[in-house]
Amino acid sequence: MAYWIVKTKTGKDESEIAFSAAKEVLDKIKEIKIGDSSLSIRISLHIGSVSIGNFGTQMRSQFTL
């Protein structure tokens, strides 16, 4: 998982760059073969408010979004 802080109010410029990068990664990933099959991944893009920090219990906690 990767995240960036968007500096513009709409995130329009950043979202276009992120979409372009995601598409490029998907195109390149298809070129990787495992046996006769191409490697595949899923990419999700989100713009908006998020919760960030350590989540869990005292026994087990993990930093996440």
PDB file of N, CA and C in Angstrom:
ATOM      1  N   MET A   1       0.843  -1.158   0.000  1.00  0.00           N
ATOM      2  CA  MET A   1       0.000   0.000   0.000  1.00  0.00           C
ATOM      3  C   MET A   1       0.895   1.229   0.000  1.00  0.00           C
ATOM      4  N   ALA A   2       0.474   2.201  -0.773  1.00  0.00           N
ATOM      5  CA  ALA A   2       1.189   3.473  -0.814  1.00  0.00           C
ATOM      6  C   ALA A   2       0.174   4.597  -0.698  1.00  0.00           C
ATOM      7  N   TYR A   3       0.592   5.688  -0.120  1.00  0.00           N
ATOM      8  CA  TYR A   3      -0.312   6.837  -0.046  1.00  0.00           C
ATOM      9  C   TYR A   3       0.484   8.119  -0.172  1.00  0.00           C
ATOM     10  N   TRP A   4      -0.189   9.153  -0.656  1.00  0.00           N
ATOM     11  CA  TRP A   4       0.396  10.469  -0.803  1.00  0.00           C
ATOM     12  C   TRP A   4      -0.579  11.487  -0.266  1.00  0.00           C
ATOM     13  N   ILE A   5      -0.043  12.575   0.228  1.00  0.00           N
ATOM     14  CA  ILE A   5      -0.879  13.684   0.659  1.00  0.00           C
ATOM     15  C   ILE A   5      -1.100  14.579  -0.556  1.00  0.00           C
ATOM     16  N   VAL A   6      -2.357  14.803  -0.893  1.00  0.00           N
ATOM     17  CA  VAL A   6      -2.716  15.611  -2.049  1.00  0.00           C
ATOM     18  C   VAL A   6      -2.719  17.072  -1.642  1.00  0.00           C
ATOM     19  N   LYS A   7      -2.050  17.896  -2.427  1.00  0.00           N
ATOM     20  CA  LYS A   7      -1.894  19.304  -2.065  1.00  0.00           C
ATOM     21  C   LYS A   7      -2.978  20.207  -2.643  1.00  0.00           C
ATOM     22  N   THR A   8      -3.663  19.766  -3.698  1.00  0.00           N
ATOM     23  CA  THR A   8      -4.717  20.608  -4.271  1.00  0.00           C
ATOM     24  C   THR A   8      -6.058  20.248  -3.645  1.00  0.00           C
ATOM     25  N   LYS A   9      -6.978  21.172  -3.678  1.00  0.00           N
ATOM     26  CA  LYS A   9      -8.289  20.950  -3.066  1.00  0.00           C
ATOM     27  C   LYS A   9      -9.054  19.828  -3.774  1.00  0.00           C
ATOM     28  N   THR A  10      -8.979  19.761  -5.095  1.00  0.00           N
ATOM     29  CA  THR A  10      -9.728  18.754  -5.849  1.00  0.00           C
ATOM     30  C   THR A  10      -8.945  17.464  -6.057  1.00  0.00           C
ATOM     31  N   GLY A  11      -7.621  17.544  -6.028  1.00  0.00           N
ATOM     32  CA  GLY A  11      -6.801  16.365  -6.293  1.00  0.00           C
ATOM     33  C   GLY A  11      -6.779  15.981  -7.762  1.00  0.00           C
ATOM     34  N   LYS A  12      -7.288  16.870  -8.641  1.00  0.00           N
ATOM     35  CA  LYS A  12      -7.412  16.541 -10.059  1.00  0.00           C
ATOM     36  C   LYS A  12      -6.059  16.198 -10.683  1.00  0.00           C
ATOM     37  N   ASP A  13      -5.068  17.053 -10.523  1.00  0.00           N
ATOM     38  CA  ASP A  13      -3.757  16.779 -11.119  1.00  0.00           C
ATOM     39  C   ASP A  13      -3.159  15.496 -10.573  1.00  0.00           C
ATOM     40  N   GLU A  14      -3.209  15.331  -9.263  1.00  0.00           N
ATOM     41  CA  GLU A  14      -2.636  14.141  -8.629  1.00  0.00           C
ATOM     42  C   GLU A  14      -3.369  12.876  -9.058  1.00  0.00           C
ATOM     43  N   SER A  15      -4.696  12.954  -9.193  1.00  0.00           N
ATOM     44  CA  SER A  15      -5.461  11.764  -9.566  1.00  0.00           C
ATOM     45  C   SER A  15      -5.153  11.344 -11.002  1.00  0.00           C
ATOM     46  N   GLU A  16      -4.955  12.305 -11.892  1.00  0.00           N
ATOM     47  CA  GLU A  16      -4.596  11.971 -13.272  1.00  0.00           C
ATOM     48  C   GLU A  16      -3.223  11.311 -13.333  1.00  0.00           C
ATOM     49  N   ILE A  17      -2.277  11.812 -12.562  1.00  0.00           N
ATOM     50  CA  ILE A  17      -0.938  11.216 -12.507  1.00  0.00           C
ATOM     51  C   ILE A  17      -1.000   9.809 -11.909  1.00  0.00           C
ATOM     52  N   ALA A  18      -1.774   9.647 -10.834  1.00  0.00           N
ATOM     53  CA  ALA A  18      -1.906   8.331 -10.191  1.00  0.00           C
ATOM     54  C   ALA A  18      -2.543   7.328 -11.141  1.00  0.00           C
ATOM     55  N   PHE A  19      -3.583   7.739 -11.873  1.00  0.00           N
ATOM     56  CA  PHE A  19      -4.242   6.839 -12.813  1.00  0.00           C
ATOM     57  C   PHE A  19      -3.284   6.423 -13.917  1.00  0.00           C
ATOM     58  N   SER A  20      -2.529   7.374 -14.434  1.00  0.00           N
ATOM     59  CA  SER A  20      -1.566   7.081 -15.488  1.00  0.00           C
ATOM     60  C   SER A  20      -0.500   6.092 -14.997  1.00  0.00           C
ATOM     61  N   ALA A  21      -0.002   6.310 -13.779  1.00  0.00           N
ATOM     62  CA  ALA A  21       1.005   5.403 -13.204  1.00  0.00           C
ATOM     63  C   ALA A  21       0.426   4.008 -12.989  1.00  0.00           C
ATOM     64  N   ALA A  22      -0.808   3.935 -12.494  1.00  0.00           N
ATOM     65  CA  ALA A  22      -1.443   2.635 -12.259  1.00  0.00           C
ATOM     66  C   ALA A  22      -1.615   1.880 -13.576  1.00  0.00           C
ATOM     67  N   LYS A  23      -2.042   2.581 -14.620  1.00  0.00           N
ATOM     68  CA  LYS A  23      -2.220   1.939 -15.921  1.00  0.00           C
ATOM     69  C   LYS A  23      -0.888   1.427 -16.460  1.00  0.00           C
ATOM     70  N   GLU A  24       0.164   2.210 -16.291  1.00  0.00           N
ATOM     71  CA  GLU A  24       1.484   1.777 -16.749  1.00  0.00           C
ATOM     72  C   GLU A  24       1.942   0.522 -16.003  1.00  0.00           C
ATOM     73  N   VAL A  25       1.719   0.478 -14.697  1.00  0.00           N
ATOM     74  CA  VAL A  25       2.087  -0.706 -13.915  1.00  0.00           C
ATOM     75  C   VAL A  25       1.313  -1.928 -14.410  1.00  0.00           C
ATOM     76  N   LEU A  26       0.013  -1.775 -14.637  1.00  0.00           N
ATOM     77  CA  LEU A  26      -0.797  -2.900 -15.119  1.00  0.00           C
ATOM     78  C   LEU A  26      -0.308  -3.405 -16.474  1.00  0.00           C
ATOM     79  N   ASP A  27       0.042  -2.483 -17.361  1.00  0.00           N
ATOM     80  CA  ASP A  27       0.549  -2.878 -18.681  1.00  0.00           C
ATOM     81  C   ASP A  27       1.867  -3.636 -18.566  1.00  0.00           C
ATOM     82  N   LYS A  28       2.766  -3.175 -17.696  1.00  0.00           N
ATOM     83  CA  LYS A  28       4.070  -3.831 -17.526  1.00  0.00           C
ATOM     84  C   LYS A  28       3.938  -5.185 -16.824  1.00  0.00           C
ATOM     85  N   ILE A  29       3.028  -5.271 -15.855  1.00  0.00           N
ATOM     86  CA  ILE A  29       2.837  -6.525 -15.106  1.00  0.00           C
ATOM     87  C   ILE A  29       2.406  -7.657 -16.034  1.00  0.00           C
ATOM     88  N   LYS A  30       1.600  -7.334 -17.049  1.00  0.00           N
ATOM     89  CA  LYS A  30       1.129  -8.348 -18.003  1.00  0.00           C
ATOM     90  C   LYS A  30       2.286  -9.008 -18.742  1.00  0.00           C
ATOM     91  N   GLU A  31       3.410  -8.312 -18.849  1.00  0.00           N
ATOM     92  CA  GLU A  31       4.576  -8.843 -19.556  1.00  0.00           C
ATOM     93  C   GLU A  31       5.304  -9.914 -18.739  1.00  0.00           C
ATOM     94  N   ILE A  32       5.056  -9.990 -17.435  1.00  0.00           N
ATOM     95  CA  ILE A  32       5.722 -10.966 -16.573  1.00  0.00           C
ATOM     96  C   ILE A  32       4.968 -12.287 -16.652  1.00  0.00           C
ATOM     97  N   LYS A  33       5.658 -13.320 -17.019  1.00  0.00           N
ATOM     98  CA  LYS A  33       5.041 -14.642 -17.183  1.00  0.00           C
ATOM     99  C   LYS A  33       5.444 -15.567 -16.035  1.00  0.00           C
ATOM    100  N   ILE A  34       4.481 -16.335 -15.576  1.00  0.00           N
ATOM    101  CA  ILE A  34       4.726 -17.413 -14.617  1.00  0.00           C
ATOM    102  C   ILE A  34       4.223 -18.668 -15.307  1.00  0.00           C
ATOM    103  N   GLY A  35       5.158 -19.437 -15.840  1.00  0.00           N
ATOM    104  CA  GLY A  35       4.764 -20.567 -16.683  1.00  0.00           C
ATOM    105  C   GLY A  35       4.134 -20.015 -17.948  1.00  0.00           C
ATOM    106  N   ASP A  36       2.910 -20.450 -18.239  1.00  0.00           N
ATOM    107  CA  ASP A  36       2.191 -19.967 -19.417  1.00  0.00           C
ATOM    108  C   ASP A  36       1.260 -18.796 -19.101  1.00  0.00           C
ATOM    109  N   SER A  37       1.168 -18.424 -17.826  1.00  0.00           N
ATOM    110  CA  SER A  37       0.223 -17.384 -17.408  1.00  0.00           C
ATOM    111  C   SER A  37       0.932 -16.058 -17.143  1.00  0.00           C
ATOM    112  N   SER A  38       0.209 -14.969 -17.408  1.00  0.00           N
ATOM    113  CA  SER A  38       0.714 -13.641 -17.078  1.00  0.00           C
ATOM    114  C   SER A  38       0.422 -13.339 -15.619  1.00  0.00           C
ATOM    115  N   LEU A  39       1.317 -12.604 -14.995  1.00  0.00           N
ATOM    116  CA  LEU A  39       1.096 -12.146 -13.630  1.00  0.00           C
ATOM    117  C   LEU A  39      -0.017 -11.116 -13.651  1.00  0.00           C
ATOM    118  N   SER A  40      -0.836 -11.086 -12.605  1.00  0.00           N
ATOM    119  CA  SER A  40      -1.894 -10.079 -12.542  1.00  0.00           C
ATOM    120  C   SER A  40      -1.954  -9.492 -11.134  1.00  0.00           C
ATOM    121  N   ILE A  41      -2.352  -8.223 -11.065  1.00  0.00           N
ATOM    122  CA  ILE A  41      -2.520  -7.528  -9.794  1.00  0.00           C
ATOM    123  C   ILE A  41      -3.787  -6.681  -9.879  1.00  0.00           C
ATOM    124  N   ARG A  42      -4.209  -6.181  -8.735  1.00  0.00           N
ATOM    125  CA  ARG A  42      -5.325  -5.239  -8.695  1.00  0.00           C
ATOM    126  C   ARG A  42      -4.827  -3.950  -8.072  1.00  0.00           C
ATOM    127  N   ILE A  43      -5.272  -2.830  -8.600  1.00  0.00           N
ATOM    128  CA  ILE A  43      -4.890  -1.521  -8.086  1.00  0.00           C
ATOM    129  C   ILE A  43      -6.163  -0.742  -7.792  1.00  0.00           C
ATOM    130  N   SER A  44      -6.147  -0.065  -6.668  1.00  0.00           N
ATOM    131  CA  SER A  44      -7.286   0.741  -6.265  1.00  0.00           C
ATOM    132  C   SER A  44      -6.803   2.159  -5.988  1.00  0.00           C
ATOM    133  N   LEU A  45      -7.529   3.145  -6.450  1.00  0.00           N
ATOM    134  CA  LEU A  45      -7.177   4.539  -6.205  1.00  0.00           C
ATOM    135  C   LEU A  45      -8.308   5.195  -5.421  1.00  0.00           C
ATOM    136  N   HIS A  46      -7.945   6.031  -4.452  1.00  0.00           N
ATOM    137  CA  HIS A  46      -8.945   6.709  -3.628  1.00  0.00           C
ATOM    138  C   HIS A  46      -8.497   8.134  -3.367  1.00  0.00           C
ATOM    139  N   ILE A  47      -9.424   9.058  -3.515  1.00  0.00           N
ATOM    140  CA  ILE A  47      -9.154  10.441  -3.114  1.00  0.00           C
ATOM    141  C   ILE A  47     -10.240  10.825  -2.127  1.00  0.00           C
ATOM    142  N   GLY A  48      -9.827  11.302  -0.982  1.00  0.00           N
ATOM    143  CA  GLY A  48     -10.783  11.712   0.034  1.00  0.00           C
ATOM    144  C   GLY A  48     -10.172  11.548   1.412  1.00  0.00           C
ATOM    145  N   SER A  49     -10.988  11.723   2.404  1.00  0.00           N
ATOM    146  CA  SER A  49     -10.523  11.595   3.788  1.00  0.00           C
ATOM    147  C   SER A  49     -10.263  10.138   4.129  1.00  0.00           C
ATOM    148  N   VAL A  50      -9.252   9.917   4.946  1.00  0.00           N
ATOM    149  CA  VAL A  50      -8.926   8.569   5.420  1.00  0.00           C
ATOM    150  C   VAL A  50      -8.581   8.637   6.897  1.00  0.00           C
ATOM    151  N   SER A  51      -8.667   7.500   7.542  1.00  0.00           N
ATOM    152  CA  SER A  51      -8.166   7.358   8.906  1.00  0.00           C
ATOM    153  C   SER A  51      -6.794   6.717   8.805  1.00  0.00           C
ATOM    154  N   ILE A  52      -5.837   7.235   9.535  1.00  0.00           N
ATOM    155  CA  ILE A  52      -4.470   6.733   9.467  1.00  0.00           C
ATOM    156  C   ILE A  52      -3.919   6.609  10.877  1.00  0.00           C
ATOM    157  N   GLY A  53      -3.196   5.533  11.126  1.00  0.00           N
ATOM    158  CA  GLY A  53      -2.579   5.364  12.431  1.00  0.00           C
ATOM    159  C   GLY A  53      -2.474   3.908  12.824  1.00  0.00           C
ATOM    160  N   ASN A  54      -2.220   3.680  14.102  1.00  0.00           N
ATOM    161  CA  ASN A  54      -2.128   2.325  14.632  1.00  0.00           C
ATOM    162  C   ASN A  54      -3.526   1.843  15.009  1.00  0.00           C
ATOM    163  N   PHE A  55      -3.924   0.715  14.451  1.00  0.00           N
ATOM    164  CA  PHE A  55      -5.230   0.126  14.712  1.00  0.00           C
ATOM    165  C   PHE A  55      -5.047  -1.254  15.320  1.00  0.00           C
ATOM    166  N   GLY A  56      -5.935  -1.635  16.187  1.00  0.00           N
ATOM    167  CA  GLY A  56      -5.882  -2.958  16.785  1.00  0.00           C
ATOM    168  C   GLY A  56      -6.117  -2.896  18.282  1.00  0.00           C
ATOM    169  N   THR A  57      -5.493  -3.828  18.980  1.00  0.00           N
ATOM    170  CA  THR A  57      -5.637  -3.935  20.425  1.00  0.00           C
ATOM    171  C   THR A  57      -4.270  -3.814  21.073  1.00  0.00           C
ATOM    172  N   GLN A  58      -4.235  -3.896  22.399  1.00  0.00           N
ATOM    173  CA  GLN A  58      -2.948  -3.875  23.098  1.00  0.00           C
ATOM    174  C   GLN A  58      -2.125  -5.108  22.761  1.00  0.00           C
ATOM    175  N   MET A  59      -2.794  -6.208  22.439  1.00  0.00           N
ATOM    176  CA  MET A  59      -2.092  -7.458  22.103  1.00  0.00           C
ATOM    177  C   MET A  59      -1.508  -7.415  20.685  1.00  0.00           C
ATOM    178  N   ARG A  60      -2.220  -6.780  19.780  1.00  0.00           N
ATOM    179  CA  ARG A  60      -1.760  -6.730  18.384  1.00  0.00           C
ATOM    180  C   ARG A  60      -2.234  -5.429  17.758  1.00  0.00           C
ATOM    181  N   SER A  61      -1.287  -4.657  17.253  1.00  0.00           N
ATOM    182  CA  SER A  61      -1.595  -3.373  16.650  1.00  0.00           C
ATOM    183  C   SER A  61      -0.778  -3.246  15.367  1.00  0.00           C
ATOM    184  N   GLN A  62      -1.348  -2.545  14.373  1.00  0.00           N
ATOM    185  CA  GLN A  62      -0.655  -2.387  13.106  1.00  0.00           C
ATOM    186  C   GLN A  62      -0.958  -0.997  12.547  1.00  0.00           C
ATOM    187  N   PHE A  63       0.059  -0.382  11.946  1.00  0.00           N
ATOM    188  CA  PHE A  63      -0.114   0.916  11.300  1.00  0.00           C
ATOM    189  C   PHE A  63      -0.775   0.670   9.948  1.00  0.00           C
ATOM    190  N   THR A  64      -1.842   1.391   9.670  1.00  0.00           N
ATOM    191  CA  THR A  64      -2.554   1.226   8.412  1.00  0.00           C
ATOM    192  C   THR A  64      -3.367   2.469   8.091  1.00  0.00           C
ATOM    193  N   LEU A  65      -4.031   2.436   6.963  1.00  0.00           N
ATOM    194  CA  LEU A  65      -4.951   3.496   6.547  1.00  0.00           C
ATOM    195  C   LEU A  65      -6.356   2.993   6.713  1.00  0.00           C
TER     196      LEU A  65
END
